[in-house]
Amino acid sequence: MMSAPGRGSALLRSSQRVCSQCARTAAGRTTAQPSPVLILGARRYYATETATPSIQPSETTPPPPPPPVTSTTRPPTTANSDPTRYRIKSGLILTRPPLLTREPTPFESAFYLYQKRLNERLTAPFRPRFYFRKDTAGDLDWRIKLRERHGVPAKDIGRYNPKGRQGWNDEVLVGSTTSGQQYIYDRLLADAEVRVSEDGEPIPPEERTPVERPMPRRTEADEKNDVRRLDRALDRTLYLVVRRKVEGLPNGEDGVWEFPSGYVPTEETLHETAARVLAESAGVNMNTWIVGRVPVAHHIVKPVFAEDGTTLQKRGEKVFFLKGRIMAGQADLSGNKHGLTDFKWLTQEELSQTLPFDYYWSVRNMFGER
């Protein structure tokens, strides 16, 4: 269906009118003066050295007038309008992970022994002829140890015989000593001694070669409570803390315990600053790595104002902590650039007694279970 000639002419004139209006608008935009441009300095607000933003005004456009002051809006004070009230710091929580599993609880020890007895009863019986040829030294040694265990093939399940009347008595009674770790160690070490020589002759007890016992879980550093050594509390996580010298502290104290941290300059990121501060604080004789680039905790120190509430006397700090691991080496504070006087490797419970309360409360949620 074709439209009427008059209607098509009207649509054509309307489109020409719109195009002419767009052209005038575009021409006006090209001839308009540019708006003021905000140019920031080379430094960030949170850097150690701050910069003041400068505004490049237009040559023809006057600056906008200030907003009117009413009873509900008051002009901002110097302290509230200053974006440099806080300085950003980056710290590293350096940890040594546990090297040993923790001691099992009495319930866990009893449960493991129950599982061993249950496995001994349900699995296939032990075939000594598969492992020892008859009348050899190994076979004679096996028969001597089997007689000492009262016919029980397993070495660490106690006086439990799965073939006799105790076949279904797998549970461990309360107060039993057969589930203790020390009892199991002694039984395994005694069973590991060679009782028969290569010639098939029994070896007297005084001539038997004792089996080397495993190292104790508590080291010399644990006995001496040497908090500077890394070979202590082997079943716990240790955290590196340093003492920074501060003048004028009460109670005769000469420093504050904290994690290694430092101010973030403009050209560095948080993880770069954390790595640099650790090298400047604890030396380079440590093999460490930063777990990630996302902070795991933060601590805020509020700024200090004068009595009038407007004059800033001391800037505040916002400390962001990253997590790190140490694989080898040791901290060395000699020649550090941050005024550090001492260091410790502490557990979580020891940290709560050493760090300031507010400081510890800020990082408490990043600690592991042990």
Protein backbone atom coordinates (compact mmCIF):
# COMPACT_ATOMS: atom_id res chain seq x y z
CA MET A 1 0.00 0.00 0.00
CA MET A 2 1.56 3.31 -0.99
CA SER A 3 1.39 6.37 1.25
CA ALA A 4 -0.05 9.66 0.14
CA PRO A 5 2.29 12.18 -1.51
CA GLY A 6 1.52 14.84 1.09
CA ARG A 7 2.40 12.56 3.98
CA GLY A 8 5.74 11.52 2.48
CA SER A 9 6.72 15.14 1.91
CA ALA A 10 5.97 15.94 5.55
CA LEU A 11 8.19 13.10 6.78
CA LEU A 12 11.03 14.26 4.53
CA ARG A 13 10.85 17.84 5.81
CA SER A 14 10.80 16.55 9.46
CA SER A 15 13.96 14.47 8.94
CA GLN A 16 15.74 17.44 7.34
CA ARG A 17 14.76 19.63 10.30
CA VAL A 18 16.18 17.08 12.80
CA CYS A 19 19.42 16.74 10.85
CA SER A 20 19.90 20.51 10.82
CA GLN A 21 19.37 20.63 14.59
CA CYS A 22 21.95 17.87 15.11
CA ALA A 23 24.40 19.72 12.91
CA ARG A 24 23.99 22.94 14.93
CA THR A 25 24.43 21.01 18.18
CA ALA A 26 27.60 19.33 16.91
CA ALA A 27 28.99 22.65 15.73
CA GLY A 28 28.29 24.16 19.14
CA ARG A 29 30.18 21.34 20.83
CA THR A 30 33.23 21.86 18.71
CA THR A 31 33.35 25.58 19.44
CA ALA A 32 32.64 25.28 23.17
CA GLN A 33 35.49 25.83 25.58
CA PRO A 34 36.96 22.76 27.32
CA SER A 35 35.95 22.07 30.94
CA PRO A 36 38.45 22.18 33.78
CA VAL A 37 40.70 19.14 33.91
CA LEU A 38 41.80 17.55 37.20
CA ILE A 39 45.46 16.64 37.03
CA LEU A 40 46.90 14.48 39.82
CA GLY A 41 50.49 14.58 40.85
CA ALA A 42 52.97 11.75 40.46
CA ARG A 43 52.33 10.48 44.01
CA ARG A 44 49.36 8.68 45.48
CA TYR A 45 47.57 9.97 48.55
CA TYR A 46 48.50 6.91 50.57
CA ALA A 47 52.19 6.94 49.65
CA THR A 48 54.94 7.91 52.06
CA GLU A 49 55.36 11.24 50.28
CA THR A 50 51.97 12.71 49.42
CA ALA A 51 51.12 15.11 46.66
CA THR A 52 48.49 17.81 46.39
CA PRO A 53 46.16 17.56 43.38
CA SER A 54 46.38 20.55 41.06
CA ILE A 55 43.52 21.88 38.92
CA GLN A 56 44.23 23.33 35.50
CA PRO A 57 41.59 26.03 35.03
CA SER A 58 40.23 27.05 31.69
CA GLU A 59 41.29 30.35 30.18
CA THR A 60 37.78 31.63 29.59
CA THR A 61 35.49 29.64 31.89
CA PRO A 62 35.49 31.08 35.44
CA PRO A 63 35.75 28.63 38.37
CA PRO A 64 32.40 27.55 39.86
CA PRO A 65 31.29 29.46 42.97
CA PRO A 66 31.49 27.66 46.35
CA PRO A 67 28.25 26.11 47.62
CA PRO A 68 26.22 28.24 50.00
CA VAL A 69 26.63 27.58 53.70
CA THR A 70 23.38 26.78 55.47
CA SER A 71 22.46 25.71 58.95
CA THR A 72 22.53 22.04 57.94
CA THR A 73 25.78 22.11 55.93
CA ARG A 74 29.01 23.34 57.47
CA PRO A 75 32.34 23.79 55.71
CA PRO A 76 34.65 20.79 56.18
CA THR A 77 37.44 21.19 58.67
CA THR A 78 41.07 20.90 57.76
CA ALA A 79 41.38 17.44 59.30
CA ASN A 80 38.28 15.99 57.68
CA SER A 81 39.03 17.36 54.21
CA ASP A 82 42.67 16.21 54.22
CA PRO A 83 42.94 12.89 52.38
CA THR A 84 46.46 12.36 53.75
CA ARG A 85 45.42 11.58 57.32
CA TYR A 86 46.49 7.97 56.86
CA ARG A 87 49.62 6.39 55.47
CA ILE A 88 49.55 2.89 54.02
CA LYS A 89 51.93 0.24 55.35
CA SER A 90 52.51 -3.30 54.16
CA GLY A 91 53.50 -6.06 56.55
CA LEU A 92 54.34 -9.74 56.24
CA ILE A 93 53.18 -12.46 58.62
CA LEU A 94 56.00 -14.96 58.07
CA THR A 95 55.15 -18.48 59.28
CA ARG A 96 56.91 -21.78 59.73
CA PRO A 97 54.35 -24.58 59.20
CA PRO A 98 54.13 -27.60 61.52
CA LEU A 99 56.77 -30.25 60.88
CA LEU A 100 55.15 -33.04 62.90
CA THR A 101 51.62 -34.24 63.39
CA ARG A 102 50.15 -33.43 66.77
CA GLU A 103 49.92 -35.94 69.58
CA PRO A 104 46.78 -38.09 69.26
CA THR A 105 44.19 -37.81 71.99
CA PRO A 106 43.40 -40.89 74.13
CA PHE A 107 40.22 -41.43 72.14
CA GLU A 108 42.10 -41.28 68.84
CA SER A 109 44.74 -43.73 70.07
CA ALA A 110 42.05 -46.16 71.23
CA PHE A 111 40.17 -45.83 67.95
CA TYR A 112 43.30 -46.50 65.87
CA LEU A 113 44.05 -49.62 67.92
CA TYR A 114 40.46 -50.79 67.47
CA GLN A 115 40.82 -50.39 63.70
CA LYS A 116 44.06 -52.41 63.73
CA ARG A 117 42.44 -55.27 65.65
CA LEU A 118 39.40 -55.21 63.38
CA ASN A 119 41.61 -55.32 60.30
CA GLU A 120 43.62 -58.20 61.79
CA ARG A 121 40.46 -60.27 62.25
CA LEU A 122 38.75 -59.52 58.92
CA THR A 123 41.67 -59.65 56.50
CA ALA A 124 43.44 -62.73 55.23
CA PRO A 125 45.69 -64.50 57.77
CA PHE A 126 49.42 -63.94 57.75
CA ARG A 127 51.32 -66.58 55.75
CA PRO A 128 54.85 -66.86 57.22
CA ARG A 129 55.99 -69.34 54.52
CA PHE A 130 55.41 -66.64 51.93
CA TYR A 131 57.99 -64.42 53.67
CA PHE A 132 60.34 -66.88 55.41
CA ARG A 133 61.80 -70.14 54.11
CA LYS A 134 61.58 -72.95 56.61
CA ASP A 135 64.46 -73.40 59.08
CA THR A 136 66.26 -70.26 57.91
CA ALA A 137 67.50 -67.48 60.17
CA GLY A 138 64.50 -65.33 59.33
CA ASP A 139 62.10 -68.18 60.08
CA LEU A 140 63.73 -68.90 63.44
CA ASP A 141 63.68 -65.21 64.37
CA TRP A 142 59.98 -65.01 63.43
CA ARG A 143 59.06 -68.03 65.58
CA ILE A 144 60.88 -66.63 68.61
CA LYS A 145 59.04 -63.28 68.36
CA LEU A 146 55.71 -65.01 67.69
CA ARG A 147 56.14 -67.02 70.91
CA GLU A 148 56.84 -63.80 72.85
CA ARG A 149 53.62 -62.27 71.47
CA HIS A 150 51.65 -65.34 72.59
CA GLY A 151 50.83 -66.35 69.04
CA VAL A 152 49.65 -62.90 67.84
CA PRO A 153 51.03 -62.16 64.35
CA ALA A 154 50.55 -58.38 64.57
CA LYS A 155 53.18 -56.42 66.46
CA ASP A 156 51.22 -53.49 67.86
CA ILE A 157 47.73 -54.74 68.79
CA GLY A 158 48.52 -56.04 72.27
CA ARG A 159 47.50 -59.41 73.70
CA TYR A 160 44.70 -59.74 71.19
CA ASN A 161 44.36 -63.03 69.31
CA PRO A 162 41.82 -62.88 66.48
CA LYS A 163 41.66 -66.68 66.25
CA GLY A 164 40.76 -67.37 69.89
CA ARG A 165 37.90 -66.45 72.15
CA GLN A 166 38.87 -62.77 71.90
CA GLY A 167 38.07 -62.74 68.20
CA TRP A 168 35.14 -60.39 68.63
CA ASN A 169 36.50 -58.38 71.53
CA ASP A 170 38.08 -55.62 69.42
CA GLU A 171 37.25 -52.66 71.66
CA VAL A 172 39.85 -51.03 73.87
CA LEU A 173 38.92 -50.86 77.54
CA VAL A 174 39.12 -47.61 79.46
CA GLY A 175 42.54 -47.20 81.09
CA SER A 176 44.24 -49.69 78.78
CA THR A 177 47.95 -49.08 78.23
CA THR A 178 48.13 -50.99 74.94
CA SER A 179 46.80 -48.00 72.98
CA GLY A 180 49.41 -45.51 74.19
CA GLN A 181 52.03 -44.24 71.79
CA GLN A 182 54.90 -45.05 74.12
CA TYR A 183 53.75 -48.65 74.51
CA ILE A 184 53.50 -49.07 70.75
CA TYR A 185 56.99 -47.58 70.24
CA ASP A 186 58.50 -49.96 72.80
CA ARG A 187 56.80 -53.01 71.27
CA LEU A 188 57.89 -52.15 67.74
CA LEU A 189 61.47 -51.42 68.78
CA ALA A 190 61.72 -54.65 70.78
CA ASP A 191 60.31 -56.66 67.89
CA ALA A 192 62.76 -55.06 65.45
CA GLU A 193 65.81 -56.49 67.26
CA VAL A 194 67.47 -59.43 65.51
CA ARG A 195 67.37 -62.50 67.77
CA VAL A 196 69.05 -65.06 65.49
CA SER A 197 72.40 -64.76 63.73
CA GLU A 198 73.00 -65.61 60.09
CA ASP A 199 74.24 -69.06 61.15
CA GLY A 200 70.89 -69.82 62.79
CA GLU A 201 72.18 -69.47 66.36
CA PRO A 202 70.21 -67.49 68.98
CA ILE A 203 71.93 -64.23 69.98
CA PRO A 204 72.21 -63.60 73.75
CA PRO A 205 70.40 -60.47 74.98
CA GLU A 206 73.65 -58.74 75.93
CA GLU A 207 75.04 -59.18 72.41
CA ARG A 208 72.01 -57.97 70.48
CA THR A 209 72.32 -54.76 68.52
CA PRO A 210 69.78 -52.25 69.84
CA VAL A 211 67.54 -50.54 67.36
CA GLU A 212 67.96 -46.79 67.08
CA ARG A 213 65.04 -45.05 68.75
CA PRO A 214 63.24 -42.23 66.93
CA MET A 215 64.05 -38.67 67.87
CA PRO A 216 61.88 -37.18 70.63
CA ARG A 217 59.13 -34.77 69.74
CA ARG A 218 60.49 -32.17 72.16
CA THR A 219 63.81 -30.71 71.07
CA GLU A 220 66.56 -28.93 72.96
CA ALA A 221 65.01 -25.59 72.04
CA ASP A 222 61.77 -26.70 73.72
CA GLU A 223 63.57 -27.69 76.89
CA LYS A 224 65.47 -24.38 77.03
CA ASN A 225 62.48 -22.33 75.79
CA ASP A 226 64.66 -20.68 73.15
CA VAL A 227 62.13 -18.61 71.20
CA ARG A 228 64.68 -17.59 68.58
CA ARG A 229 65.15 -21.08 67.15
CA LEU A 230 63.00 -22.64 64.48
CA ASP A 231 63.36 -26.22 65.73
CA ARG A 232 60.89 -25.74 68.57
CA ALA A 233 57.18 -26.53 68.81
CA LEU A 234 57.50 -28.86 65.83
CA ASP A 235 53.78 -29.66 65.84
CA ARG A 236 52.71 -26.01 65.85
CA THR A 237 52.88 -23.02 63.49
CA LEU A 238 55.48 -20.40 64.40
CA TYR A 239 55.17 -16.69 63.52
CA LEU A 240 58.03 -14.20 63.19
CA VAL A 241 57.67 -11.03 65.27
CA VAL A 242 60.23 -8.24 65.68
CA ARG A 243 60.67 -5.54 68.28
CA ARG A 244 60.82 -1.99 66.96
CA LYS A 245 62.56 0.59 69.11
CA VAL A 246 60.23 3.36 70.29
CA GLU A 247 61.24 6.17 72.62
CA GLY A 248 59.16 7.28 75.57
CA LEU A 249 57.29 4.05 76.32
CA PRO A 250 55.92 3.52 79.85
CA ASN A 251 57.11 0.87 82.33
CA GLY A 252 60.67 1.11 81.08
CA GLU A 253 59.94 -0.65 77.77
CA ASP A 254 62.21 0.17 74.85
CA GLY A 255 60.24 -1.27 71.95
CA VAL A 256 56.99 -2.62 70.55
CA TRP A 257 56.53 -6.17 69.24
CA GLU A 258 54.96 -6.40 65.79
CA PHE A 259 55.21 -8.14 62.44
CA PRO A 260 57.78 -6.78 59.94
CA SER A 261 56.14 -3.87 58.12
CA GLY A 262 57.00 -0.65 56.33
CA TYR A 263 55.48 2.26 54.40
CA VAL A 264 54.37 1.72 50.79
CA PRO A 265 56.00 4.09 48.30
CA THR A 266 54.29 5.09 45.07
CA GLU A 267 56.23 2.81 42.76
CA GLU A 268 55.58 -0.41 44.75
CA THR A 269 52.62 -2.67 45.40
CA LEU A 270 51.74 -4.29 48.71
CA HIS A 271 53.52 -7.58 48.07
CA GLU A 272 56.61 -5.82 46.69
CA THR A 273 56.84 -3.66 49.79
CA ALA A 274 56.36 -6.69 52.05
CA ALA A 275 59.21 -8.57 50.36
CA ARG A 276 61.49 -5.53 50.52
CA VAL A 277 60.73 -4.82 54.17
CA LEU A 278 61.41 -8.44 55.12
CA ALA A 279 64.81 -8.34 53.41
CA GLU A 280 65.66 -5.00 55.06
CA SER A 281 64.48 -6.23 58.47
CA ALA A 282 65.46 -9.88 58.82
CA GLY A 283 68.19 -10.14 56.21
CA VAL A 284 68.43 -12.13 53.00
CA ASN A 285 69.61 -15.42 54.52
CA MET A 286 66.12 -16.91 54.43
CA ASN A 287 64.38 -18.89 51.73
CA THR A 288 60.86 -17.42 51.84
CA TRP A 289 57.92 -16.91 49.52
CA ILE A 290 54.77 -14.82 49.75
CA VAL A 291 51.67 -16.99 49.57
CA GLY A 292 49.50 -14.48 47.66
CA ARG A 293 48.99 -10.84 46.80
CA VAL A 294 45.74 -10.44 48.74
CA PRO A 295 46.03 -9.21 52.36
CA VAL A 296 44.90 -11.65 55.04
CA ALA A 297 44.42 -9.04 57.79
CA HIS A 298 44.73 -5.30 58.44
CA HIS A 299 45.30 -3.00 61.39
CA ILE A 300 44.31 0.68 61.70
CA VAL A 301 46.04 3.27 63.87
CA LYS A 302 43.88 6.39 64.15
CA PRO A 303 45.43 9.84 63.63
CA VAL A 304 46.05 12.23 66.50
CA PHE A 305 44.47 15.71 66.44
CA ALA A 306 45.05 18.78 68.55
CA GLU A 307 42.63 19.91 71.24
CA ASP A 308 40.67 21.99 68.75
CA GLY A 309 39.93 18.85 66.73
CA THR A 310 41.02 20.38 63.43
CA THR A 311 44.83 20.43 63.46
CA LEU A 312 46.42 17.10 62.56
CA GLN A 313 49.37 16.40 64.86
CA LYS A 314 50.15 12.80 63.86
CA ARG A 315 49.01 10.91 60.82
CA GLY A 316 47.32 7.55 61.18
CA GLU A 317 48.37 4.25 59.65
CA LYS A 318 46.59 1.47 57.80
CA VAL A 319 48.69 -1.70 57.82
CA PHE A 320 47.81 -4.50 55.40
CA PHE A 321 49.34 -7.90 56.16
CA LEU A 322 50.26 -10.55 53.63
CA LYS A 323 51.11 -14.14 54.46
CA GLY A 324 54.48 -15.76 53.82
CA ARG A 325 56.28 -19.05 54.41
CA ILE A 326 59.86 -19.84 55.35
CA MET A 327 61.50 -23.01 54.07
CA ALA A 328 65.09 -22.56 55.25
CA GLY A 329 67.41 -20.04 56.88
CA GLN A 330 67.08 -17.81 59.90
CA ALA A 331 66.33 -14.17 60.67
CA ASP A 332 69.28 -11.79 61.07
CA LEU A 333 68.65 -8.26 62.35
CA SER A 334 72.20 -7.03 62.03
CA GLY A 335 72.29 -3.84 59.98
CA ASN A 336 68.52 -3.61 59.54
CA LYS A 337 67.03 -0.30 58.35
CA HIS A 338 63.92 -0.22 60.54
CA GLY A 339 65.33 0.15 64.05
CA LEU A 340 64.67 -3.46 65.08
CA THR A 341 66.38 -4.79 68.19
CA ASP A 342 65.11 -8.37 68.65
CA PHE A 343 63.01 -11.13 67.06
CA LYS A 344 61.06 -14.20 68.17
CA TRP A 345 59.36 -17.23 66.64
CA LEU A 346 56.14 -17.63 68.60
CA THR A 347 53.02 -19.77 68.58
CA GLN A 348 49.52 -18.32 68.51
CA GLU A 349 49.14 -18.47 72.29
CA GLU A 350 52.50 -16.77 72.76
CA LEU A 351 51.54 -14.05 70.29
CA SER A 352 48.46 -13.16 72.34
CA GLN A 353 50.73 -12.54 75.32
CA THR A 354 53.45 -10.63 73.42
CA LEU A 355 51.69 -8.39 70.87
CA PRO A 356 49.64 -5.36 71.95
CA PHE A 357 45.98 -6.21 72.50
CA ASP A 358 44.57 -4.07 69.66
CA TYR A 359 47.28 -5.28 67.31
CA TYR A 360 46.63 -8.96 68.06
CA TRP A 361 42.87 -8.47 67.88
CA SER A 362 43.18 -7.15 64.31
CA VAL A 363 45.01 -10.25 63.02
CA ARG A 364 43.46 -12.95 65.21
CA ASN A 365 41.24 -14.37 62.44
CA MET A 366 44.11 -15.32 60.12
CA PHE A 367 45.70 -17.87 62.48
CA GLY A 368 45.30 -21.59 61.82
CA GLU A 369 44.00 -24.17 64.22
CA ARG A 370 47.51 -25.04 65.35
